[in-house]
Amino acid sequence: MMRARSTVRSLRKFQINDNQLTKHLNQPLNLKTMKNKTSIFLSIALAGIVGFSSCSKDENQAPKFTKAELSADNKTIAITFSEGVYANADKTGALEATDLLVTAPAEIDFTYTVEHTAGNATATVNIVVTSVIQGTEKFTIKPASATSIYDDEGEPMGASIMIESNTASKDLGIMGRWISEGDNVAPLLVTYFSVLKVEAEFKTDYTYVVNQFNIGNTTTVPDLVFTGNYVIEKSTIDNIWTIIANQDLPYAAVASGIFEVKANPEVLWYEVVQTSGTQNVPPTPAEGFGSSNGGTLGTINIQKFVRVQ
C-alpha cells in the first residue's frame, strides 16, 4: 500500500539509536530534558496514529442504505445508497426487482418494480398496492441476497442490511359512512326507483348497510335496507377500485362495479350493476365511469356520495 510505505518513511525520521537513547536517559533530570523526551515519544506516537488513520480511510466499506422515502400517494419509494451501486461485481448491471426484497405487513397486497441506472446511488421502487392501507404500515427494503448489490470495487452489500420507509398514507378505499342526496343521486335511481336519498356504511369488517329513502319519505326510517359483504381491490388505473357486493337482504344478489374517492372536495363516485340473474355488464377501471353495459347507460348510473364519517 502506498500509504503504508509513507508511514514507514515517517517513522524512520523519528528512529533513535541506542547511543542517542542512552545519552538522553543519562542526562540530569530537569524539566527541559523531560519536555524534550516527551516531545520525541509523542512525535513517534502521533506519526503512528496518523499512519494507521490514513490506511483506515482507504479501506473499502460495503454499500448500505441511507434513505427510503415513501411518497404521499404510496406509489413510490425513493431509495438512496451510500455510494453508486451495480447488480454485478464487475461494475455492470442496473438493479432490478429481483435484486431488492421489498416487504410490508401481511395485510397489504402489493407488487413492485425497480428503476435504477448502473452506478447511480439512487433507485426508485414503484409500488402498486391493491388493498386497504390503515396508515400505520411501513415498507422494509433489503438486498435479495448477498450477491445482489455491489459497489464499484466489487464489494457486496450484506444480505442482512435493511432499511425501513416512513409510514404509509392511509387509504381505506370505500370504508366509512357516506350519504347521497339531491343531484348526487344517480338519475337512473331517481327515474326508475324514485330514490330520494341513500345512506351507506361500508364497515372495516367488510360488511355493509345501505339505507334507501324514496321520494316522499320525510321520516328517518328507510324504505329499504340492503345488507351484505363486499370485496374491494385497487386497480392500476388512477385511484379506481373494483367492488363486488354480495347482498343478503332484502334478497340475495350480487352487484359488481367500480368506485373512486376523488379529492378536493372529497366525493365518492360509485357505479355498480346487479350481475346475478341479469345480462348486465359491470363497468371496468379500464373503461372508466359510464361504462356499465358497454357504455349504453352513459352517466345515469353514476352515484355520488359525500363522507359522513
C-alpha atoms as a PDB file:
ATOM      1  CA  MET A   1       0.000   0.000   0.000  1.00  0.00           C
ATOM      2  CA  MET A   2       1.279   3.436  -0.908  1.00  0.00           C
ATOM      3  CA  ARG A   3       0.135   4.955   2.376  1.00  0.00           C
ATOM      4  CA  ALA A   4       1.710   2.122   4.411  1.00  0.00           C
ATOM      5  CA  ARG A   5       5.183   2.851   2.865  1.00  0.00           C
ATOM      6  CA  SER A   6       4.690   6.557   3.548  1.00  0.00           C
ATOM      7  CA  THR A   7       4.034   5.698   7.170  1.00  0.00           C
ATOM      8  CA  VAL A   8       7.259   3.658   7.402  1.00  0.00           C
ATOM      9  CA  ARG A   9       9.267   6.562   5.991  1.00  0.00           C
ATOM     10  CA  SER A  10       7.628   8.875   8.517  1.00  0.00           C
ATOM     11  CA  LEU A  11       8.531   6.542  11.377  1.00  0.00           C
ATOM     12  CA  ARG A  12      12.159   6.311  10.245  1.00  0.00           C
ATOM     13  CA  LYS A  13      12.518  10.054  10.692  1.00  0.00           C
ATOM     14  CA  PHE A  14      11.868   9.530  14.383  1.00  0.00           C
ATOM     15  CA  GLN A  15      14.096   6.449  14.982  1.00  0.00           C
ATOM     16  CA  ILE A  16      16.733   6.811  17.776  1.00  0.00           C
ATOM     17  CA  ASN A  17      19.851   4.609  18.026  1.00  0.00           C
ATOM     18  CA  ASP A  18      20.986   3.049  21.294  1.00  0.00           C
ATOM     19  CA  ASN A  19      23.730   5.628  21.956  1.00  0.00           C
ATOM     20  CA  GLN A  20      21.321   8.528  21.444  1.00  0.00           C
ATOM     21  CA  LEU A  21      18.751   6.960  23.737  1.00  0.00           C
ATOM     22  CA  THR A  22      21.396   6.252  26.464  1.00  0.00           C
ATOM     23  CA  LYS A  23      22.672   9.777  26.184  1.00  0.00           C
ATOM     24  CA  HIS A  24      19.211  11.235  26.631  1.00  0.00           C
ATOM     25  CA  LEU A  25      18.353   8.969  29.514  1.00  0.00           C
ATOM     26  CA  ASN A  26      21.642   9.668  31.383  1.00  0.00           C
ATOM     27  CA  GLN A  27      21.243  13.417  31.246  1.00  0.00           C
ATOM     28  CA  PRO A  28      20.452  15.145  34.564  1.00  0.00           C
ATOM     29  CA  LEU A  29      16.758  15.099  35.180  1.00  0.00           C
ATOM     30  CA  ASN A  30      15.289  18.521  34.636  1.00  0.00           C
ATOM     31  CA  LEU A  31      12.108  19.928  33.207  1.00  0.00           C
ATOM     32  CA  LYS A  32      13.700  20.838  29.902  1.00  0.00           C
ATOM     33  CA  THR A  33      15.049  17.299  29.421  1.00  0.00           C
ATOM     34  CA  MET A  34      11.674  15.811  30.326  1.00  0.00           C
ATOM     35  CA  LYS A  35       9.949  18.059  27.839  1.00  0.00           C
ATOM     36  CA  ASN A  36      12.370  17.046  25.076  1.00  0.00           C
ATOM     37  CA  LYS A  37      11.953  13.324  25.796  1.00  0.00           C
ATOM     38  CA  THR A  38       8.220  13.705  25.969  1.00  0.00           C
ATOM     39  CA  SER A  39       8.201  15.525  22.620  1.00  0.00           C
ATOM     40  CA  ILE A  40      10.200  12.726  20.979  1.00  0.00           C
ATOM     41  CA  PHE A  41       7.907   9.950  22.143  1.00  0.00           C
ATOM     42  CA  LEU A  42       4.771  11.978  21.390  1.00  0.00           C
ATOM     43  CA  SER A  43       6.024  12.624  17.865  1.00  0.00           C
ATOM     44  CA  ILE A  44       6.592   8.915  17.305  1.00  0.00           C
ATOM     45  CA  ALA A  45       3.177   8.040  18.703  1.00  0.00           C
ATOM     46  CA  LEU A  46       1.412  10.686  16.615  1.00  0.00           C
ATOM     47  CA  ALA A  47       3.189   9.562  13.471  1.00  0.00           C
ATOM     48  CA  GLY A  48       1.908   6.030  14.058  1.00  0.00           C
ATOM     49  CA  ILE A  49      -1.645   7.225  14.672  1.00  0.00           C
ATOM     50  CA  VAL A  50      -1.658   9.339  11.521  1.00  0.00           C
ATOM     51  CA  GLY A  51      -0.290   6.422   9.504  1.00  0.00           C
ATOM     52  CA  PHE A  52      -2.919   3.998  10.695  1.00  0.00           C
ATOM     53  CA  SER A  53      -5.720   6.567  10.253  1.00  0.00           C
ATOM     54  CA  SER A  54      -4.700   7.154   6.659  1.00  0.00           C
ATOM     55  CA  CYS A  55      -4.719   3.459   5.964  1.00  0.00           C
ATOM     56  CA  SER A  56      -8.190   3.065   7.533  1.00  0.00           C
ATOM     57  CA  LYS A  57      -9.640   5.744   5.283  1.00  0.00           C
ATOM     58  CA  ASP A  58      -8.536   3.770   2.239  1.00  0.00           C
ATOM     59  CA  GLU A  59     -10.257   0.605   3.371  1.00  0.00           C
ATOM     60  CA  ASN A  60     -13.350  -0.056   1.226  1.00  0.00           C
ATOM     61  CA  GLN A  61     -16.659  -0.290   3.022  1.00  0.00           C
ATOM     62  CA  ALA A  62     -19.610  -2.229   1.677  1.00  0.00           C
ATOM     63  CA  PRO A  63     -22.514  -0.143   0.341  1.00  0.00           C
ATOM     64  CA  LYS A  64     -25.501   0.448   2.567  1.00  0.00           C
ATOM     65  CA  PHE A  65     -28.898   2.125   2.500  1.00  0.00           C
ATOM     66  CA  THR A  66     -29.094   5.699   3.759  1.00  0.00           C
ATOM     67  CA  LYS A  67     -32.696   6.648   2.989  1.00  0.00           C
ATOM     68  CA  ALA A  68     -36.052   5.160   1.922  1.00  0.00           C
ATOM     69  CA  GLU A  69     -38.714   7.795   1.280  1.00  0.00           C
ATOM     70  CA  LEU A  70     -42.263   6.581   0.590  1.00  0.00           C
ATOM     71  CA  SER A  71     -44.307   9.074  -1.433  1.00  0.00           C
ATOM     72  CA  ALA A  72     -47.534  10.572  -0.064  1.00  0.00           C
ATOM     73  CA  ASP A  73     -49.604   8.594  -2.583  1.00  0.00           C
ATOM     74  CA  ASN A  74     -47.938   5.290  -1.591  1.00  0.00           C
ATOM     75  CA  LYS A  75     -46.806   4.721  -5.166  1.00  0.00           C
ATOM     76  CA  THR A  76     -43.010   5.050  -4.997  1.00  0.00           C
ATOM     77  CA  ILE A  77     -40.135   4.563  -2.578  1.00  0.00           C
ATOM     78  CA  ALA A  78     -37.055   6.671  -3.313  1.00  0.00           C
ATOM     79  CA  ILE A  79     -34.009   4.645  -2.225  1.00  0.00           C
ATOM     80  CA  THR A  80     -30.625   6.267  -1.546  1.00  0.00           C
ATOM     81  CA  PHE A  81     -27.408   4.257  -1.142  1.00  0.00           C
ATOM     82  CA  SER A  82     -24.151   5.322   0.493  1.00  0.00           C
ATOM     83  CA  GLU A  83     -22.446   5.138  -2.914  1.00  0.00           C
ATOM     84  CA  GLY A  84     -23.098   4.152  -6.510  1.00  0.00           C
ATOM     85  CA  VAL A  85     -24.166   0.534  -6.875  1.00  0.00           C
ATOM     86  CA  TYR A  86     -24.368  -2.189  -9.504  1.00  0.00           C
ATOM     87  CA  ALA A  87     -26.107  -5.522  -9.935  1.00  0.00           C
ATOM     88  CA  ASN A  88     -22.791  -7.265 -10.715  1.00  0.00           C
ATOM     89  CA  ALA A  89     -19.361  -7.304  -9.084  1.00  0.00           C
ATOM     90  CA  ASP A  90     -17.672  -6.145 -12.320  1.00  0.00           C
ATOM     91  CA  LYS A  91     -19.318  -2.688 -12.230  1.00  0.00           C
ATOM     92  CA  THR A  92     -22.127  -3.626 -14.634  1.00  0.00           C
ATOM     93  CA  GLY A  93     -25.865  -4.023 -14.431  1.00  0.00           C
ATOM     94  CA  ALA A  94     -28.703  -1.894 -13.120  1.00  0.00           C
ATOM     95  CA  LEU A  95     -30.677  -3.096 -10.131  1.00  0.00           C
ATOM     96  CA  GLU A  96     -33.964  -4.826 -10.897  1.00  0.00           C
ATOM     97  CA  ALA A  97     -36.882  -6.050  -8.809  1.00  0.00           C
ATOM     98  CA  THR A  98     -35.085  -9.383  -8.345  1.00  0.00           C
ATOM     99  CA  ASP A  99     -32.191  -7.582  -6.617  1.00  0.00           C
ATOM    100  CA  LEU A 100     -34.286  -5.944  -3.904  1.00  0.00           C
ATOM    101  CA  LEU A 101     -36.602  -7.616  -1.441  1.00  0.00           C
ATOM    102  CA  VAL A 102     -39.439  -5.247  -0.500  1.00  0.00           C
ATOM    103  CA  THR A 103     -41.833  -6.398   2.209  1.00  0.00           C
ATOM    104  CA  ALA A 104     -44.757  -4.984   4.176  1.00  0.00           C
ATOM    105  CA  PRO A 105     -47.204  -6.189   6.821  1.00  0.00           C
ATOM    106  CA  ALA A 106     -49.130  -9.247   5.675  1.00  0.00           C
ATOM    107  CA  GLU A 107     -52.427  -7.381   5.286  1.00  0.00           C
ATOM    108  CA  ILE A 108     -51.027  -5.239   2.471  1.00  0.00           C
ATOM    109  CA  ASP A 109     -51.260  -6.716  -1.028  1.00  0.00           C
ATOM    110  CA  PHE A 110     -48.812  -5.150  -3.467  1.00  0.00           C
ATOM    111  CA  THR A 111     -46.414  -5.694  -6.336  1.00  0.00           C
ATOM    112  CA  TYR A 112     -43.342  -3.681  -7.249  1.00  0.00           C
ATOM    113  CA  THR A 113     -40.804  -2.886  -9.939  1.00  0.00           C
ATOM    114  CA  VAL A 114     -37.428  -1.142  -9.653  1.00  0.00           C
ATOM    115  CA  GLU A 115     -35.919   1.662 -11.728  1.00  0.00           C
ATOM    116  CA  HIS A 116     -32.144   2.179 -11.483  1.00  0.00           C
ATOM    117  CA  THR A 117     -29.179   3.168 -13.622  1.00  0.00           C
ATOM    118  CA  ALA A 118     -25.964   1.196 -13.145  1.00  0.00           C
ATOM    119  CA  GLY A 119     -23.561   3.148 -10.953  1.00  0.00           C
ATOM    120  CA  ASN A 120     -26.169   5.502  -9.535  1.00  0.00           C
ATOM    121  CA  ALA A 121     -26.610   5.917  -5.795  1.00  0.00           C
ATOM    122  CA  THR A 122     -30.392   6.206  -6.087  1.00  0.00           C
ATOM    123  CA  ALA A 123     -33.162   3.867  -7.189  1.00  0.00           C
ATOM    124  CA  THR A 124     -36.945   4.061  -7.359  1.00  0.00           C
ATOM    125  CA  VAL A 125     -39.262   1.292  -6.229  1.00  0.00           C
ATOM    126  CA  ASN A 126     -42.625   1.578  -7.979  1.00  0.00           C
ATOM    127  CA  ILE A 127     -45.397   0.109  -5.841  1.00  0.00           C
ATOM    128  CA  VAL A 128     -48.892  -0.985  -6.818  1.00  0.00           C
ATOM    129  CA  VAL A 129     -50.986  -1.515  -3.686  1.00  0.00           C
ATOM    130  CA  THR A 130     -54.286  -3.289  -4.274  1.00  0.00           C
ATOM    131  CA  SER A 131     -55.525  -3.421  -0.687  1.00  0.00           C
ATOM    132  CA  VAL A 132     -56.583  -1.082   2.078  1.00  0.00           C
ATOM    133  CA  ILE A 133     -53.841   0.784   3.958  1.00  0.00           C
ATOM    134  CA  GLN A 134     -54.514   1.691   7.582  1.00  0.00           C
ATOM    135  CA  GLY A 135     -51.851   4.401   7.693  1.00  0.00           C
ATOM    136  CA  THR A 136     -49.568   2.713  10.239  1.00  0.00           C
ATOM    137  CA  GLU A 137     -47.670   0.397   7.918  1.00  0.00           C
ATOM    138  CA  LYS A 138     -44.093   0.737   6.707  1.00  0.00           C
ATOM    139  CA  PHE A 139     -42.183  -0.977   3.908  1.00  0.00           C
ATOM    140  CA  THR A 140     -38.878  -2.754   4.514  1.00  0.00           C
ATOM    141  CA  ILE A 141     -36.173  -2.901   1.849  1.00  0.00           C
ATOM    142  CA  LYS A 142     -33.118  -5.187   1.794  1.00  0.00           C
ATOM    143  CA  PRO A 143     -30.909  -6.929  -0.771  1.00  0.00           C
ATOM    144  CA  ALA A 144     -32.487 -10.038  -2.239  1.00  0.00           C
ATOM    145  CA  SER A 145     -29.262 -11.929  -1.464  1.00  0.00           C
ATOM    146  CA  ALA A 146     -25.604 -11.425  -0.583  1.00  0.00           C
ATOM    147  CA  THR A 147     -24.784 -11.284  -4.305  1.00  0.00           C
ATOM    148  CA  SER A 148     -27.431  -8.787  -5.428  1.00  0.00           C
ATOM    149  CA  ILE A 149     -25.831  -5.369  -4.916  1.00  0.00           C
ATOM    150  CA  TYR A 150     -22.173  -4.282  -5.340  1.00  0.00           C
ATOM    151  CA  ASP A 151     -20.161  -1.071  -5.226  1.00  0.00           C
ATOM    152  CA  ASP A 152     -17.564  -0.019  -7.841  1.00  0.00           C
ATOM    153  CA  GLU A 153     -14.855  -2.089  -6.146  1.00  0.00           C
ATOM    154  CA  GLY A 154     -16.911  -5.268  -6.190  1.00  0.00           C
ATOM    155  CA  GLU A 155     -17.758  -5.129  -2.501  1.00  0.00           C
ATOM    156  CA  PRO A 156     -21.212  -6.714  -1.929  1.00  0.00           C
ATOM    157  CA  MET A 157     -23.904  -5.336   0.320  1.00  0.00           C
ATOM    158  CA  GLY A 158     -24.672  -7.743   3.144  1.00  0.00           C
ATOM    159  CA  ALA A 159     -27.911  -9.649   2.839  1.00  0.00           C
ATOM    160  CA  SER A 160     -28.892  -8.597   6.361  1.00  0.00           C
ATOM    161  CA  ILE A 161     -28.640  -4.872   5.628  1.00  0.00           C
ATOM    162  CA  MET A 162     -32.088  -3.316   5.589  1.00  0.00           C
ATOM    163  CA  ILE A 163     -33.914  -0.017   5.844  1.00  0.00           C
ATOM    164  CA  GLU A 164     -37.482   0.925   6.697  1.00  0.00           C
ATOM    165  CA  SER A 165     -39.571   3.531   4.894  1.00  0.00           C
ATOM    166  CA  ASN A 166     -41.622   6.246   6.505  1.00  0.00           C
ATOM    167  CA  THR A 167     -45.228   5.403   7.402  1.00  0.00           C
ATOM    168  CA  ALA A 168     -47.656   4.838   4.528  1.00  0.00           C
ATOM    169  CA  SER A 169     -50.555   7.220   3.971  1.00  0.00           C
ATOM    170  CA  LYS A 170     -53.967   5.944   4.974  1.00  0.00           C
ATOM    171  CA  ASP A 171     -56.117   4.672   2.111  1.00  0.00           C
ATOM    172  CA  LEU A 172     -59.283   2.916   3.255  1.00  0.00           C
ATOM    173  CA  GLY A 173     -60.976   2.927  -0.111  1.00  0.00           C
ATOM    174  CA  ILE A 174     -64.734   2.937   0.333  1.00  0.00           C
ATOM    175  CA  MET A 175     -64.664   2.203   4.062  1.00  0.00           C
ATOM    176  CA  GLY A 176     -66.678   4.697   6.096  1.00  0.00           C
ATOM    177  CA  ARG A 177     -70.126   6.275   6.200  1.00  0.00           C
ATOM    178  CA  TRP A 178     -71.478   8.123   3.160  1.00  0.00           C
ATOM    179  CA  ILE A 179     -74.607   9.962   2.075  1.00  0.00           C
ATOM    180  CA  SER A 180     -76.016  10.659  -1.386  1.00  0.00           C
ATOM    181  CA  GLU A 181     -78.856  13.110  -1.912  1.00  0.00           C
ATOM    182  CA  GLY A 182     -80.051  15.804  -4.281  1.00  0.00           C
ATOM    183  CA  ASP A 183     -78.141  15.928  -7.558  1.00  0.00           C
ATOM    184  CA  ASN A 184     -75.706  13.300  -6.306  1.00  0.00           C
ATOM    185  CA  VAL A 185     -78.311  10.536  -6.576  1.00  0.00           C
ATOM    186  CA  ALA A 186     -77.863   8.607  -9.822  1.00  0.00           C
ATOM    187  CA  PRO A 187     -80.519   9.717 -12.351  1.00  0.00           C
ATOM    188  CA  LEU A 188     -81.282   6.050 -13.077  1.00  0.00           C
ATOM    189  CA  LEU A 189     -82.306   5.517  -9.431  1.00  0.00           C
ATOM    190  CA  VAL A 190     -84.433   8.650  -9.383  1.00  0.00           C
ATOM    191  CA  THR A 191     -86.200   7.850 -12.659  1.00  0.00           C
ATOM    192  CA  TYR A 192     -86.857   4.147 -12.253  1.00  0.00           C
ATOM    193  CA  PHE A 193     -86.862   3.609  -8.476  1.00  0.00           C
ATOM    194  CA  SER A 194     -87.973   7.011  -7.100  1.00  0.00           C
ATOM    195  CA  VAL A 195     -84.920   7.229  -4.840  1.00  0.00           C
ATOM    196  CA  LEU A 196     -84.564  10.427  -2.803  1.00  0.00           C
ATOM    197  CA  LYS A 197     -81.561   9.670  -0.634  1.00  0.00           C
ATOM    198  CA  VAL A 198     -79.091   6.863   0.069  1.00  0.00           C
ATOM    199  CA  GLU A 199     -77.110   6.363   3.262  1.00  0.00           C
ATOM    200  CA  ALA A 200     -74.311   3.804   3.064  1.00  0.00           C
ATOM    201  CA  GLU A 201     -71.871   2.390   5.575  1.00  0.00           C
ATOM    202  CA  PHE A 202     -69.029   0.188   4.414  1.00  0.00           C
ATOM    203  CA  LYS A 203     -67.558  -1.269   7.566  1.00  0.00           C
ATOM    204  CA  THR A 204     -63.968  -2.288   8.269  1.00  0.00           C
ATOM    205  CA  ASP A 205     -65.080  -5.914   8.680  1.00  0.00           C
ATOM    206  CA  TYR A 206     -66.118  -5.856   5.002  1.00  0.00           C
ATOM    207  CA  THR A 207     -69.846  -5.842   5.642  1.00  0.00           C
ATOM    208  CA  TYR A 208     -72.171  -3.066   4.520  1.00  0.00           C
ATOM    209  CA  VAL A 209     -75.525  -1.491   5.297  1.00  0.00           C
ATOM    210  CA  VAL A 210     -77.312   0.707   2.746  1.00  0.00           C
ATOM    211  CA  ASN A 211     -80.468   2.636   3.645  1.00  0.00           C
ATOM    212  CA  GLN A 212     -82.686   3.777   0.765  1.00  0.00           C
ATOM    213  CA  PHE A 213     -85.172   6.621   1.226  1.00  0.00           C
ATOM    214  CA  ASN A 214     -87.711   7.099  -1.531  1.00  0.00           C
ATOM    215  CA  ILE A 215     -89.281  10.310  -2.737  1.00  0.00           C
ATOM    216  CA  GLY A 216     -91.971  11.470  -0.296  1.00  0.00           C
ATOM    217  CA  ASN A 217     -90.379   9.834   2.743  1.00  0.00           C
ATOM    218  CA  THR A 218     -89.811  12.566   5.327  1.00  0.00           C
ATOM    219  CA  THR A 219     -89.065  10.204   8.227  1.00  0.00           C
ATOM    220  CA  THR A 220     -85.785   8.770   9.487  1.00  0.00           C
ATOM    221  CA  VAL A 221     -86.955   5.245   8.700  1.00  0.00           C
ATOM    222  CA  PRO A 222     -85.638   3.985   5.341  1.00  0.00           C
ATOM    223  CA  ASP A 223     -87.922   2.372   2.779  1.00  0.00           C
ATOM    224  CA  LEU A 224     -85.386  -0.345   2.049  1.00  0.00           C
ATOM    225  CA  VAL A 225     -82.330  -1.663   3.886  1.00  0.00           C
ATOM    226  CA  PHE A 226     -79.662  -3.571   1.972  1.00  0.00           C
ATOM    227  CA  THR A 227     -77.045  -5.625   3.831  1.00  0.00           C
ATOM    228  CA  GLY A 228     -74.258  -7.969   2.829  1.00  0.00           C
ATOM    229  CA  ASN A 229     -70.497  -8.204   2.495  1.00  0.00           C
ATOM    230  CA  TYR A 230     -68.129  -6.737  -0.042  1.00  0.00           C
ATOM    231  CA  VAL A 231     -64.754  -7.299  -1.679  1.00  0.00           C
ATOM    232  CA  ILE A 232     -62.637  -4.429  -2.970  1.00  0.00           C
ATOM    233  CA  GLU A 233     -59.375  -4.244  -4.880  1.00  0.00           C
ATOM    234  CA  LYS A 234     -57.478  -1.220  -6.075  1.00  0.00           C
ATOM    235  CA  SER A 235     -56.707  -1.215  -9.786  1.00  0.00           C
ATOM    236  CA  THR A 236     -53.610   0.106 -11.517  1.00  0.00           C
ATOM    237  CA  ILE A 237     -55.642   2.840 -13.208  1.00  0.00           C
ATOM    238  CA  ASP A 238     -55.715   6.174 -11.406  1.00  0.00           C
ATOM    239  CA  ASN A 239     -57.348   5.649  -7.992  1.00  0.00           C
ATOM    240  CA  ILE A 240     -60.164   3.446  -9.247  1.00  0.00           C
ATOM    241  CA  TRP A 241     -61.116   0.379  -7.238  1.00  0.00           C
ATOM    242  CA  THR A 242     -63.271  -2.594  -8.168  1.00  0.00           C
ATOM    243  CA  ILE A 243     -66.033  -3.772  -5.840  1.00  0.00           C
ATOM    244  CA  ILE A 244     -68.207  -6.885  -5.578  1.00  0.00           C
ATOM    245  CA  ALA A 245     -71.199  -6.570  -3.251  1.00  0.00           C
ATOM    246  CA  ASN A 246     -72.658  -9.861  -2.099  1.00  0.00           C
ATOM    247  CA  GLN A 247     -76.109  -8.864  -0.921  1.00  0.00           C
ATOM    248  CA  ASP A 248     -78.013 -10.860   1.728  1.00  0.00           C
ATOM    249  CA  LEU A 249     -81.061  -8.666   2.340  1.00  0.00           C
ATOM    250  CA  PRO A 250     -83.722  -7.813   1.356  1.00  0.00           C
ATOM    251  CA  TYR A 251     -82.920 -10.538  -1.200  1.00  0.00           C
ATOM    252  CA  ALA A 252     -79.799 -12.390  -2.296  1.00  0.00           C
ATOM    253  CA  ALA A 253     -77.987 -10.761  -5.192  1.00  0.00           C
ATOM    254  CA  VAL A 254     -74.535  -9.874  -6.488  1.00  0.00           C
ATOM    255  CA  ALA A 255     -73.597  -6.433  -7.781  1.00  0.00           C
ATOM    256  CA  SER A 256     -70.265  -5.504  -9.348  1.00  0.00           C
ATOM    257  CA  GLY A 257     -68.652  -2.295 -10.449  1.00  0.00           C
ATOM    258  CA  ILE A 258     -66.124   0.410  -9.653  1.00  0.00           C
ATOM    259  CA  PHE A 259     -65.618   3.334  -7.323  1.00  0.00           C
ATOM    260  CA  GLU A 260     -63.168   6.147  -6.738  1.00  0.00           C
ATOM    261  CA  VAL A 261     -62.760   8.568  -3.860  1.00  0.00           C
ATOM    262  CA  LYS A 262     -61.956  11.847  -5.544  1.00  0.00           C
ATOM    263  CA  ALA A 263     -60.262  14.640  -3.604  1.00  0.00           C
ATOM    264  CA  ASN A 264     -60.692  18.407  -3.244  1.00  0.00           C
ATOM    265  CA  PRO A 265     -63.532  18.110  -2.434  1.00  0.00           C
ATOM    266  CA  GLU A 266     -63.785  14.505  -1.271  1.00  0.00           C
ATOM    267  CA  VAL A 267     -66.527  12.801  -3.282  1.00  0.00           C
ATOM    268  CA  LEU A 268     -67.120   9.080  -3.723  1.00  0.00           C
ATOM    269  CA  TRP A 269     -68.017   8.117  -7.284  1.00  0.00           C
ATOM    270  CA  TYR A 270     -69.808   4.761  -7.310  1.00  0.00           C
ATOM    271  CA  GLU A 271     -71.096   2.768 -10.263  1.00  0.00           C
ATOM    272  CA  VAL A 272     -72.355  -0.817  -9.974  1.00  0.00           C
ATOM    273  CA  VAL A 273     -74.881  -3.063 -11.683  1.00  0.00           C
ATOM    274  CA  GLN A 274     -76.608  -6.210 -10.488  1.00  0.00           C
ATOM    275  CA  THR A 275     -74.919  -9.075 -12.283  1.00  0.00           C
ATOM    276  CA  SER A 276     -76.799 -12.022 -10.751  1.00  0.00           C
ATOM    277  CA  GLY A 277     -79.919 -13.014 -12.671  1.00  0.00           C
ATOM    278  CA  THR A 278     -79.355 -10.317 -15.310  1.00  0.00           C
ATOM    279  CA  GLN A 279     -77.420  -9.680 -18.503  1.00  0.00           C
ATOM    280  CA  ASN A 280     -75.811  -6.574 -17.057  1.00  0.00           C
ATOM    281  CA  VAL A 281     -72.115  -5.990 -17.683  1.00  0.00           C
ATOM    282  CA  PRO A 282     -70.308  -4.089 -14.904  1.00  0.00           C
ATOM    283  CA  PRO A 283     -68.132  -1.063 -15.577  1.00  0.00           C
ATOM    284  CA  THR A 284     -64.371  -1.563 -15.538  1.00  0.00           C
ATOM    285  CA  PRO A 285     -61.433   0.598 -14.437  1.00  0.00           C
ATOM    286  CA  ALA A 286     -60.052   0.480 -17.963  1.00  0.00           C
ATOM    287  CA  GLU A 287     -63.268   1.814 -19.490  1.00  0.00           C
ATOM    288  CA  GLY A 288     -63.929   4.185 -16.595  1.00  0.00           C
ATOM    289  CA  PHE A 289     -67.109   5.645 -15.223  1.00  0.00           C
ATOM    290  CA  GLY A 290     -70.108   5.438 -17.514  1.00  0.00           C
ATOM    291  CA  SER A 291     -69.046   2.074 -18.943  1.00  0.00           C
ATOM    292  CA  SER A 292     -71.870  -0.033 -17.461  1.00  0.00           C
ATOM    293  CA  ASN A 293     -73.339  -2.327 -20.115  1.00  0.00           C
ATOM    294  CA  GLY A 294     -70.686  -1.278 -22.561  1.00  0.00           C
ATOM    295  CA  GLY A 295     -71.422   2.406 -22.063  1.00  0.00           C
ATOM    296  CA  THR A 296     -75.082   2.214 -23.093  1.00  0.00           C
ATOM    297  CA  LEU A 297     -76.216   3.749 -19.801  1.00  0.00           C
ATOM    298  CA  GLY A 298     -73.912   6.712 -20.092  1.00  0.00           C
ATOM    299  CA  THR A 299     -73.564   8.639 -16.821  1.00  0.00           C
ATOM    300  CA  ILE A 300     -77.066   7.996 -15.440  1.00  0.00           C
ATOM    301  CA  ASN A 301     -75.845   5.088 -13.292  1.00  0.00           C
ATOM    302  CA  ILE A 302     -73.104   7.057 -11.508  1.00  0.00           C
ATOM    303  CA  GLN A 303     -73.903   7.643  -7.843  1.00  0.00           C
ATOM    304  CA  LYS A 304     -72.005  10.278  -5.860  1.00  0.00           C
ATOM    305  CA  PHE A 305     -71.566  10.331  -2.087  1.00  0.00           C
ATOM    306  CA  VAL A 306     -70.038  12.682   0.453  1.00  0.00           C
ATOM    307  CA  ARG A 307     -68.404  11.313   3.573  1.00  0.00           C
ATOM    308  CA  VAL A 308     -70.311  11.478   6.840  1.00  0.00           C
ATOM    309  CA  GLN A 309     -67.650   9.749   8.929  1.00  0.00           C
END
